[in-house]
Amino acid sequence: MLPNRNPANADPILEARDVSFAYEGADVVRGVSFAVQRGEFVGVLGPNGSGKSTLLKLLCGLLTPTRGEVFLDGVPLQEKKARDVARRVAFMPQEQLTDFPFTVAERVLMGRHPHLGLMEFESAKDAEVAREAMRVTDTLQFANRTYREISGGERQRASLAAALAQQPEILLLDEPTTALDIKFQVQILSLLKKLNAERGLTVVMAIHDLNLAAVSCKRLALLKQGEKKWEGAPSEVLTEEKLREIYEISIREICDEKGNPVALMPEGI
């Protein structure tokens, strides 16, 4: 599905330098610097309203920073054409397209648009790429149903298929496991880890579930009130002290009989 990439590269493939963004004069991202190396799998954590979704939209060019700048391979994103960025960076939002009666197959095929010329129609190759994206996300079974006719979890998987149909180098996902049951949470995250490991797909994922983040991501960034508070390996940032400051509740480690940590659990449950 994706061309093979070499993840070994010292220079960031994607980088935000001191970026801020404001809605109606109120900063929701404040002076965040965030670099992603080629082939990384990075998670972005934080409470609701911490700026996770806005940061992802800044990284793919859907939003323009009010201060600071975003770079793709060292070139300012704003100097690149939107189509050129879309050929390399795919974004899967939380919000799913339901206002128009597109079928799942039609929506996934839209992922090929950055690769088409002006007035050019999709080819048999484009259709095959879209079909493969549906196969790996287990969405072929409802390919001919509209977004209005499928569940929220099924829409999540269909939107991931559309993003994969772009054949991007970088995949940005805004809470991709929301509305998914445990089976499909595992399926989606396992697929992302496989694409990351075998194809060098660079993944940046906003996620709420601390345990899924810990086992899926190689590096985590913790945000609060629009600021990046900590960044590092899961074992470095998912500590009781740091999580208490971020989420303002006590979160303890649950260990097995040998003392190995197996889960993070809010106290009081």
C-alpha atoms as a PDB file:
ATOM      1  CA  MET A   1       0.000   0.000   0.000  1.00  0.00           C
ATOM      2  CA  LEU A   2       2.797   2.411   0.911  1.00  0.00           C
ATOM      3  CA  PRO A   3       6.221   2.801  -0.638  1.00  0.00           C
ATOM      4  CA  ASN A   4       9.044   1.640   1.585  1.00  0.00           C
ATOM      5  CA  ARG A   5      10.709   4.435   3.568  1.00  0.00           C
ATOM      6  CA  ASN A   6      14.011   4.642   5.368  1.00  0.00           C
ATOM      7  CA  PRO A   7      13.225   5.737   8.942  1.00  0.00           C
ATOM      8  CA  ALA A   8      16.860   6.545   9.719  1.00  0.00           C
ATOM      9  CA  ASN A   9      17.107  10.281   9.258  1.00  0.00           C
ATOM     10  CA  ALA A  10      18.574  12.796  11.695  1.00  0.00           C
ATOM     11  CA  ASP A  11      16.533  15.730  10.376  1.00  0.00           C
ATOM     12  CA  PRO A  12      12.864  16.115  11.336  1.00  0.00           C
ATOM     13  CA  ILE A  13      10.407  15.305   8.572  1.00  0.00           C
ATOM     14  CA  LEU A  14       7.819  17.515  10.305  1.00  0.00           C
ATOM     15  CA  GLU A  15       8.466  20.285  12.789  1.00  0.00           C
ATOM     16  CA  ALA A  16       6.543  22.998  14.605  1.00  0.00           C
ATOM     17  CA  ARG A  17       8.731  25.836  15.837  1.00  0.00           C
ATOM     18  CA  ASP A  18       7.272  27.955  18.629  1.00  0.00           C
ATOM     19  CA  VAL A  19       3.771  27.800  17.106  1.00  0.00           C
ATOM     20  CA  SER A  20       0.717  29.447  18.615  1.00  0.00           C
ATOM     21  CA  PHE A  21      -2.850  29.598  17.403  1.00  0.00           C
ATOM     22  CA  ALA A  22      -5.791  31.637  18.649  1.00  0.00           C
ATOM     23  CA  TYR A  23      -9.540  31.356  18.168  1.00  0.00           C
ATOM     24  CA  GLU A  24     -11.246  34.734  18.521  1.00  0.00           C
ATOM     25  CA  GLY A  25      -8.201  36.161  20.278  1.00  0.00           C
ATOM     26  CA  ALA A  26      -7.835  33.305  22.788  1.00  0.00           C
ATOM     27  CA  ASP A  27      -4.718  31.154  22.433  1.00  0.00           C
ATOM     28  CA  VAL A  28      -5.444  27.427  22.267  1.00  0.00           C
ATOM     29  CA  VAL A  29      -1.863  26.503  21.316  1.00  0.00           C
ATOM     30  CA  ARG A  30       0.875  28.488  23.026  1.00  0.00           C
ATOM     31  CA  GLY A  31       4.491  28.473  21.866  1.00  0.00           C
ATOM     32  CA  VAL A  32       4.701  24.756  21.098  1.00  0.00           C
ATOM     33  CA  SER A  33       7.872  23.362  19.517  1.00  0.00           C
ATOM     34  CA  PHE A  34       7.461  19.789  18.347  1.00  0.00           C
ATOM     35  CA  ALA A  35       9.676  17.804  15.959  1.00  0.00           C
ATOM     36  CA  VAL A  36       8.857  14.434  14.400  1.00  0.00           C
ATOM     37  CA  GLN A  37      11.566  12.241  12.912  1.00  0.00           C
ATOM     38  CA  ARG A  38      10.965  10.166   9.808  1.00  0.00           C
ATOM     39  CA  GLY A  39       9.485   6.792  10.776  1.00  0.00           C
ATOM     40  CA  GLU A  40       8.480   7.737  14.325  1.00  0.00           C
ATOM     41  CA  PHE A  41       5.250   6.759  16.094  1.00  0.00           C
ATOM     42  CA  VAL A  42       4.347   9.642  18.397  1.00  0.00           C
ATOM     43  CA  GLY A  43       1.360  10.138  20.679  1.00  0.00           C
ATOM     44  CA  VAL A  44      -0.074  13.481  21.787  1.00  0.00           C
ATOM     45  CA  LEU A  45      -1.886  13.375  25.130  1.00  0.00           C
ATOM     46  CA  GLY A  46      -3.753  15.867  27.249  1.00  0.00           C
ATOM     47  CA  PRO A  47      -7.165  16.761  28.682  1.00  0.00           C
ATOM     48  CA  ASN A  48     -10.029  18.042  26.564  1.00  0.00           C
ATOM     49  CA  GLY A  49      -9.226  21.573  25.402  1.00  0.00           C
ATOM     50  CA  SER A  50      -5.466  21.120  25.750  1.00  0.00           C
ATOM     51  CA  GLY A  51      -4.815  21.875  22.051  1.00  0.00           C
ATOM     52  CA  LYS A  52      -4.223  18.368  20.669  1.00  0.00           C
ATOM     53  CA  SER A  53      -6.576  18.647  17.690  1.00  0.00           C
ATOM     54  CA  THR A  54      -5.445  22.186  16.876  1.00  0.00           C
ATOM     55  CA  LEU A  55      -1.789  21.132  16.915  1.00  0.00           C
ATOM     56  CA  LEU A  56      -2.479  18.332  14.424  1.00  0.00           C
ATOM     57  CA  LYS A  57      -4.336  20.748  12.128  1.00  0.00           C
ATOM     58  CA  LEU A  58      -1.376  23.127  12.286  1.00  0.00           C
ATOM     59  CA  LEU A  59       1.012  20.288  11.410  1.00  0.00           C
ATOM     60  CA  CYS A  60      -0.889  19.428   8.217  1.00  0.00           C
ATOM     61  CA  GLY A  61      -1.620  22.995   7.114  1.00  0.00           C
ATOM     62  CA  LEU A  62      -5.363  23.037   7.768  1.00  0.00           C
ATOM     63  CA  LEU A  63      -4.679  25.922  10.142  1.00  0.00           C
ATOM     64  CA  THR A  64      -2.030  28.626   9.871  1.00  0.00           C
ATOM     65  CA  PRO A  65      -0.150  29.572  13.058  1.00  0.00           C
ATOM     66  CA  THR A  66      -0.769  33.032  14.442  1.00  0.00           C
ATOM     67  CA  ARG A  67       2.872  32.885  15.564  1.00  0.00           C
ATOM     68  CA  GLY A  68       5.711  30.525  14.731  1.00  0.00           C
ATOM     69  CA  GLU A  69       5.992  28.223  11.730  1.00  0.00           C
ATOM     70  CA  VAL A  70       5.572  24.589  10.642  1.00  0.00           C
ATOM     71  CA  PHE A  71       8.179  22.911   8.424  1.00  0.00           C
ATOM     72  CA  LEU A  72       7.969  19.844   6.180  1.00  0.00           C
ATOM     73  CA  ASP A  73      11.453  18.521   5.375  1.00  0.00           C
ATOM     74  CA  GLY A  74      12.869  21.871   6.473  1.00  0.00           C
ATOM     75  CA  VAL A  75      10.656  23.922   4.132  1.00  0.00           C
ATOM     76  CA  PRO A  76       7.925  26.171   5.589  1.00  0.00           C
ATOM     77  CA  LEU A  77       4.552  24.545   5.055  1.00  0.00           C
ATOM     78  CA  GLN A  78       3.081  27.817   3.826  1.00  0.00           C
ATOM     79  CA  GLU A  79       5.538  27.845   0.909  1.00  0.00           C
ATOM     80  CA  LYS A  80       4.193  24.528  -0.375  1.00  0.00           C
ATOM     81  CA  LYS A  81       1.086  23.936  -2.458  1.00  0.00           C
ATOM     82  CA  ALA A  82      -1.761  22.311  -0.551  1.00  0.00           C
ATOM     83  CA  ARG A  83      -1.896  19.449  -3.072  1.00  0.00           C
ATOM     84  CA  ASP A  84       1.821  18.739  -2.603  1.00  0.00           C
ATOM     85  CA  VAL A  85       1.383  18.634   1.179  1.00  0.00           C
ATOM     86  CA  ALA A  86      -1.657  16.336   0.833  1.00  0.00           C
ATOM     87  CA  ARG A  87       0.389  13.867  -1.201  1.00  0.00           C
ATOM     88  CA  ARG A  88       2.721  13.420   1.754  1.00  0.00           C
ATOM     89  CA  VAL A  89       0.618  14.186   4.825  1.00  0.00           C
ATOM     90  CA  ALA A  90      -2.802  12.658   5.542  1.00  0.00           C
ATOM     91  CA  PHE A  91      -5.042  13.842   8.386  1.00  0.00           C
ATOM     92  CA  MET A  92      -7.832  11.786   9.929  1.00  0.00           C
ATOM     93  CA  PRO A  93     -10.136  14.106  11.919  1.00  0.00           C
ATOM     94  CA  GLN A  94     -12.510  13.321  14.745  1.00  0.00           C
ATOM     95  CA  GLU A  95     -15.463  14.710  12.809  1.00  0.00           C
ATOM     96  CA  GLN A  96     -16.853  12.324  10.225  1.00  0.00           C
ATOM     97  CA  LEU A  97     -18.475  13.385   6.953  1.00  0.00           C
ATOM     98  CA  THR A  98     -22.220  12.679   7.244  1.00  0.00           C
ATOM     99  CA  ASP A  99     -23.915  15.653   5.558  1.00  0.00           C
ATOM    100  CA  PHE A 100     -23.641  14.166   2.066  1.00  0.00           C
ATOM    101  CA  PRO A 101     -24.821  10.684   1.005  1.00  0.00           C
ATOM    102  CA  PHE A 102     -21.386   9.394  -0.031  1.00  0.00           C
ATOM    103  CA  THR A 103     -20.861   5.665   0.169  1.00  0.00           C
ATOM    104  CA  VAL A 104     -17.860   4.374   2.072  1.00  0.00           C
ATOM    105  CA  ALA A 105     -16.225   3.334  -1.219  1.00  0.00           C
ATOM    106  CA  GLU A 106     -16.732   6.834  -2.658  1.00  0.00           C
ATOM    107  CA  ARG A 107     -15.346   8.466   0.486  1.00  0.00           C
ATOM    108  CA  VAL A 108     -12.250   6.243   0.483  1.00  0.00           C
ATOM    109  CA  LEU A 109     -11.645   6.888  -3.211  1.00  0.00           C
ATOM    110  CA  MET A 110     -11.584  10.627  -2.410  1.00  0.00           C
ATOM    111  CA  GLY A 111      -8.273   9.913  -0.710  1.00  0.00           C
ATOM    112  CA  ARG A 112      -6.763   9.595  -4.187  1.00  0.00           C
ATOM    113  CA  HIS A 113      -7.597  13.197  -5.171  1.00  0.00           C
ATOM    114  CA  PRO A 114      -4.171  14.671  -4.280  1.00  0.00           C
ATOM    115  CA  HIS A 115      -2.636  12.294  -6.837  1.00  0.00           C
ATOM    116  CA  LEU A 116      -4.965  13.332  -9.688  1.00  0.00           C
ATOM    117  CA  GLY A 117      -4.461  16.147 -12.150  1.00  0.00           C
ATOM    118  CA  LEU A 118      -6.986  18.855 -12.965  1.00  0.00           C
ATOM    119  CA  MET A 119     -10.179  17.283 -14.375  1.00  0.00           C
ATOM    120  CA  GLU A 120      -8.551  13.840 -14.156  1.00  0.00           C
ATOM    121  CA  PHE A 121     -10.734  10.900 -13.130  1.00  0.00           C
ATOM    122  CA  GLU A 122      -9.691   8.002 -10.929  1.00  0.00           C
ATOM    123  CA  SER A 123      -8.010   5.127 -12.736  1.00  0.00           C
ATOM    124  CA  ALA A 124      -8.195   1.393 -12.140  1.00  0.00           C
ATOM    125  CA  LYS A 125      -5.000   1.750 -10.114  1.00  0.00           C
ATOM    126  CA  ASP A 126      -6.637   4.370  -7.879  1.00  0.00           C
ATOM    127  CA  ALA A 127      -9.605   2.068  -7.358  1.00  0.00           C
ATOM    128  CA  GLU A 128      -7.292  -0.791  -6.421  1.00  0.00           C
ATOM    129  CA  VAL A 129      -5.395   1.374  -3.901  1.00  0.00           C
ATOM    130  CA  ALA A 130      -8.723   2.393  -2.342  1.00  0.00           C
ATOM    131  CA  ARG A 131      -9.894  -1.210  -2.223  1.00  0.00           C
ATOM    132  CA  GLU A 132      -6.697  -2.319  -0.499  1.00  0.00           C
ATOM    133  CA  ALA A 133      -7.129   0.472   2.076  1.00  0.00           C
ATOM    134  CA  MET A 134     -10.645  -0.814   2.770  1.00  0.00           C
ATOM    135  CA  ARG A 135      -9.402  -4.377   3.007  1.00  0.00           C
ATOM    136  CA  VAL A 136      -6.778  -3.660   5.671  1.00  0.00           C
ATOM    137  CA  THR A 137      -9.252  -1.554   7.702  1.00  0.00           C
ATOM    138  CA  ASP A 138     -11.985  -4.204   7.417  1.00  0.00           C
ATOM    139  CA  THR A 139     -14.422  -1.822   5.724  1.00  0.00           C
ATOM    140  CA  LEU A 140     -15.076  -3.707   2.465  1.00  0.00           C
ATOM    141  CA  GLN A 141     -18.108  -5.320   4.070  1.00  0.00           C
ATOM    142  CA  PHE A 142     -19.998  -1.994   4.069  1.00  0.00           C
ATOM    143  CA  ALA A 143     -18.319  -0.325   1.073  1.00  0.00           C
ATOM    144  CA  ASN A 144     -21.659   0.383  -0.621  1.00  0.00           C
ATOM    145  CA  ARG A 145     -23.383   1.841   2.427  1.00  0.00           C
ATOM    146  CA  THR A 146     -23.433   5.573   3.138  1.00  0.00           C
ATOM    147  CA  TYR A 147     -21.794   7.214   6.132  1.00  0.00           C
ATOM    148  CA  ARG A 148     -25.293   7.874   7.505  1.00  0.00           C
ATOM    149  CA  GLU A 149     -26.005   4.141   7.523  1.00  0.00           C
ATOM    150  CA  ILE A 150     -22.983   2.976   9.518  1.00  0.00           C
ATOM    151  CA  SER A 151     -21.986   3.295  13.160  1.00  0.00           C
ATOM    152  CA  GLY A 152     -19.557   5.795  14.608  1.00  0.00           C
ATOM    153  CA  GLY A 153     -16.886   3.140  14.955  1.00  0.00           C
ATOM    154  CA  GLU A 154     -17.381   2.047  11.357  1.00  0.00           C
ATOM    155  CA  ARG A 155     -17.009   5.678  10.252  1.00  0.00           C
ATOM    156  CA  GLN A 156     -13.700   5.851  12.117  1.00  0.00           C
ATOM    157  CA  ARG A 157     -12.387   2.856  10.217  1.00  0.00           C
ATOM    158  CA  ALA A 158     -13.689   4.186   6.886  1.00  0.00           C
ATOM    159  CA  SER A 159     -11.991   7.531   7.516  1.00  0.00           C
ATOM    160  CA  LEU A 160      -8.732   5.733   8.273  1.00  0.00           C
ATOM    161  CA  ALA A 161      -9.124   3.857   4.981  1.00  0.00           C
ATOM    162  CA  ALA A 162      -9.538   7.190   3.151  1.00  0.00           C
ATOM    163  CA  ALA A 163      -6.385   8.520   4.814  1.00  0.00           C
ATOM    164  CA  LEU A 164      -4.413   5.396   3.883  1.00  0.00           C
ATOM    165  CA  ALA A 165      -5.668   5.662   0.295  1.00  0.00           C
ATOM    166  CA  GLN A 166      -3.627   8.871   0.025  1.00  0.00           C
ATOM    167  CA  GLN A 167      -0.518   6.690   0.442  1.00  0.00           C
ATOM    168  CA  PRO A 168       1.052   9.318   2.703  1.00  0.00           C
ATOM    169  CA  GLU A 169       4.485   9.411   4.266  1.00  0.00           C
ATOM    170  CA  ILE A 170       3.004  11.001   7.396  1.00  0.00           C
ATOM    171  CA  LEU A 171      -0.306  10.098   8.986  1.00  0.00           C
ATOM    172  CA  LEU A 172      -1.879  12.428  11.560  1.00  0.00           C
ATOM    173  CA  LEU A 173      -4.798  10.951  13.502  1.00  0.00           C
ATOM    174  CA  ASP A 174      -7.131  12.771  15.871  1.00  0.00           C
ATOM    175  CA  GLU A 175      -8.319  10.197  18.422  1.00  0.00           C
ATOM    176  CA  PRO A 176      -8.626   7.287  15.967  1.00  0.00           C
ATOM    177  CA  THR A 177      -9.883   4.829  18.600  1.00  0.00           C
ATOM    178  CA  THR A 178     -12.866   6.956  19.669  1.00  0.00           C
ATOM    179  CA  ALA A 179     -16.168   5.020  19.379  1.00  0.00           C
ATOM    180  CA  LEU A 180     -14.359   1.768  18.625  1.00  0.00           C
ATOM    181  CA  ASP A 181     -14.889  -1.387  20.658  1.00  0.00           C
ATOM    182  CA  ILE A 182     -11.868  -3.191  22.073  1.00  0.00           C
ATOM    183  CA  LYS A 183     -11.505  -5.510  19.077  1.00  0.00           C
ATOM    184  CA  PHE A 184     -11.246  -2.675  16.589  1.00  0.00           C
ATOM    185  CA  GLN A 185      -9.089  -0.524  18.874  1.00  0.00           C
ATOM    186  CA  VAL A 186      -6.557  -3.349  18.863  1.00  0.00           C
ATOM    187  CA  GLN A 187      -7.009  -3.926  15.121  1.00  0.00           C
ATOM    188  CA  ILE A 188      -6.490  -0.275  14.188  1.00  0.00           C
ATOM    189  CA  LEU A 189      -3.504   0.276  16.473  1.00  0.00           C
ATOM    190  CA  SER A 190      -1.924  -3.008  15.384  1.00  0.00           C
ATOM    191  CA  LEU A 191      -2.325  -1.942  11.752  1.00  0.00           C
ATOM    192  CA  LEU A 192      -0.728   1.436  12.456  1.00  0.00           C
ATOM    193  CA  LYS A 193       2.182  -0.200  14.277  1.00  0.00           C
ATOM    194  CA  LYS A 194       2.669  -2.630  11.389  1.00  0.00           C
ATOM    195  CA  LEU A 195       2.687   0.152   8.775  1.00  0.00           C
ATOM    196  CA  ASN A 196       5.080   2.121  10.949  1.00  0.00           C
ATOM    197  CA  ALA A 197       7.451  -0.821  11.459  1.00  0.00           C
ATOM    198  CA  GLU A 198       7.339  -2.379   7.983  1.00  0.00           C
ATOM    199  CA  ARG A 199       6.783   0.605   5.687  1.00  0.00           C
ATOM    200  CA  GLY A 200       8.313   3.422   7.712  1.00  0.00           C
ATOM    201  CA  LEU A 201       4.996   5.317   7.872  1.00  0.00           C
ATOM    202  CA  THR A 202       5.415   8.258  10.237  1.00  0.00           C
ATOM    203  CA  VAL A 203       2.480   8.381  12.675  1.00  0.00           C
ATOM    204  CA  VAL A 204       1.395  11.201  14.985  1.00  0.00           C
ATOM    205  CA  MET A 205      -1.711  10.375  16.979  1.00  0.00           C
ATOM    206  CA  ALA A 206      -3.773  12.360  19.470  1.00  0.00           C
ATOM    207  CA  ILE A 207      -5.262   9.881  21.927  1.00  0.00           C
ATOM    208  CA  HIS A 208      -6.970   9.914  25.310  1.00  0.00           C
ATOM    209  CA  ASP A 209      -6.348   6.352  26.465  1.00  0.00           C
ATOM    210  CA  LEU A 210      -3.117   6.360  28.465  1.00  0.00           C
ATOM    211  CA  ASN A 211      -2.687   2.590  28.347  1.00  0.00           C
ATOM    212  CA  LEU A 212      -3.158   2.343  24.589  1.00  0.00           C
ATOM    213  CA  ALA A 213      -0.730   5.237  24.156  1.00  0.00           C
ATOM    214  CA  ALA A 214       1.850   3.524  26.357  1.00  0.00           C
ATOM    215  CA  VAL A 215       1.852   0.292  24.349  1.00  0.00           C
ATOM    216  CA  SER A 216       1.493   1.873  20.885  1.00  0.00           C
ATOM    217  CA  CYS A 217       3.728   4.936  20.814  1.00  0.00           C
ATOM    218  CA  LYS A 218       7.495   5.190  21.024  1.00  0.00           C
ATOM    219  CA  ARG A 219       7.369   8.798  22.189  1.00  0.00           C
ATOM    220  CA  LEU A 220       4.702  10.944  23.848  1.00  0.00           C
ATOM    221  CA  ALA A 221       4.050  14.661  24.166  1.00  0.00           C
ATOM    222  CA  LEU A 222       1.841  15.849  27.033  1.00  0.00           C
ATOM    223  CA  LEU A 223      -0.138  19.070  26.552  1.00  0.00           C
ATOM    224  CA  LYS A 224      -2.061  21.194  29.019  1.00  0.00           C
ATOM    225  CA  GLN A 225      -3.885  24.450  28.260  1.00  0.00           C
ATOM    226  CA  GLY A 226      -2.167  24.717  24.885  1.00  0.00           C
ATOM    227  CA  GLU A 227       1.379  24.262  26.162  1.00  0.00           C
ATOM    228  CA  LYS A 228       3.683  21.276  25.799  1.00  0.00           C
ATOM    229  CA  LYS A 229       4.590  20.245  29.329  1.00  0.00           C
ATOM    230  CA  TRP A 230       6.636  17.081  28.772  1.00  0.00           C
ATOM    231  CA  GLU A 231       7.962  14.958  25.962  1.00  0.00           C
ATOM    232  CA  GLY A 232       9.761  11.620  25.951  1.00  0.00           C
ATOM    233  CA  ALA A 233       9.382   7.860  26.081  1.00  0.00           C
ATOM    234  CA  PRO A 234       6.180   6.557  27.720  1.00  0.00           C
ATOM    235  CA  SER A 235       8.135   5.370  30.767  1.00  0.00           C
ATOM    236  CA  GLU A 236       9.547   8.883  31.201  1.00  0.00           C
ATOM    237  CA  VAL A 237       6.350  10.928  30.923  1.00  0.00           C
ATOM    238  CA  LEU A 238       3.591   8.618  32.180  1.00  0.00           C
ATOM    239  CA  THR A 239       4.588   9.027  35.808  1.00  0.00           C
ATOM    240  CA  GLU A 240       2.157   9.578  38.655  1.00  0.00           C
ATOM    241  CA  GLU A 241       3.569  13.048  39.351  1.00  0.00           C
ATOM    242  CA  LYS A 242       3.380  14.277  35.752  1.00  0.00           C
ATOM    243  CA  LEU A 243      -0.068  12.794  35.130  1.00  0.00           C
ATOM    244  CA  ARG A 244      -1.407  14.382  38.309  1.00  0.00           C
ATOM    245  CA  GLU A 245      -0.269  17.799  37.084  1.00  0.00           C
ATOM    246  CA  ILE A 246      -1.692  17.262  33.576  1.00  0.00           C
ATOM    247  CA  TYR A 247      -5.053  15.725  34.499  1.00  0.00           C
ATOM    248  CA  GLU A 248      -5.452  17.100  38.038  1.00  0.00           C
ATOM    249  CA  ILE A 249      -6.324  13.674  39.451  1.00  0.00           C
ATOM    250  CA  SER A 250      -4.239  10.874  40.922  1.00  0.00           C
ATOM    251  CA  ILE A 251      -3.405   8.090  38.491  1.00  0.00           C
ATOM    252  CA  ARG A 252      -1.599   5.060  39.872  1.00  0.00           C
ATOM    253  CA  GLU A 253       0.276   2.189  38.262  1.00  0.00           C
ATOM    254  CA  ILE A 254      -1.251  -1.264  38.547  1.00  0.00           C
ATOM    255  CA  CYS A 255       1.442  -3.971  38.730  1.00  0.00           C
ATOM    256  CA  ASP A 256       1.370  -7.735  38.318  1.00  0.00           C
ATOM    257  CA  GLU A 257       2.522 -10.211  40.946  1.00  0.00           C
ATOM    258  CA  LYS A 258       6.132  -9.715  39.811  1.00  0.00           C
ATOM    259  CA  GLY A 259       5.965  -5.947  40.230  1.00  0.00           C
ATOM    260  CA  ASN A 260       5.847  -5.161  36.512  1.00  0.00           C
ATOM    261  CA  PRO A 261       3.531  -2.217  35.637  1.00  0.00           C
ATOM    262  CA  VAL A 262       0.620  -3.409  33.496  1.00  0.00           C
ATOM    263  CA  ALA A 263      -1.884  -0.535  33.544  1.00  0.00           C
ATOM    264  CA  LEU A 264      -2.568   3.036  34.614  1.00  0.00           C
ATOM    265  CA  MET A 265      -5.725   3.537  36.669  1.00  0.00           C
ATOM    266  CA  PRO A 266      -7.321   6.729  38.076  1.00  0.00           C
ATOM    267  CA  GLU A 267      -7.710   6.521  41.823  1.00  0.00           C
ATOM    268  CA  GLY A 268     -11.253   6.386  43.151  1.00  0.00           C
ATOM    269  CA  ILE A 269     -12.429   3.681  40.729  1.00  0.00           C
END
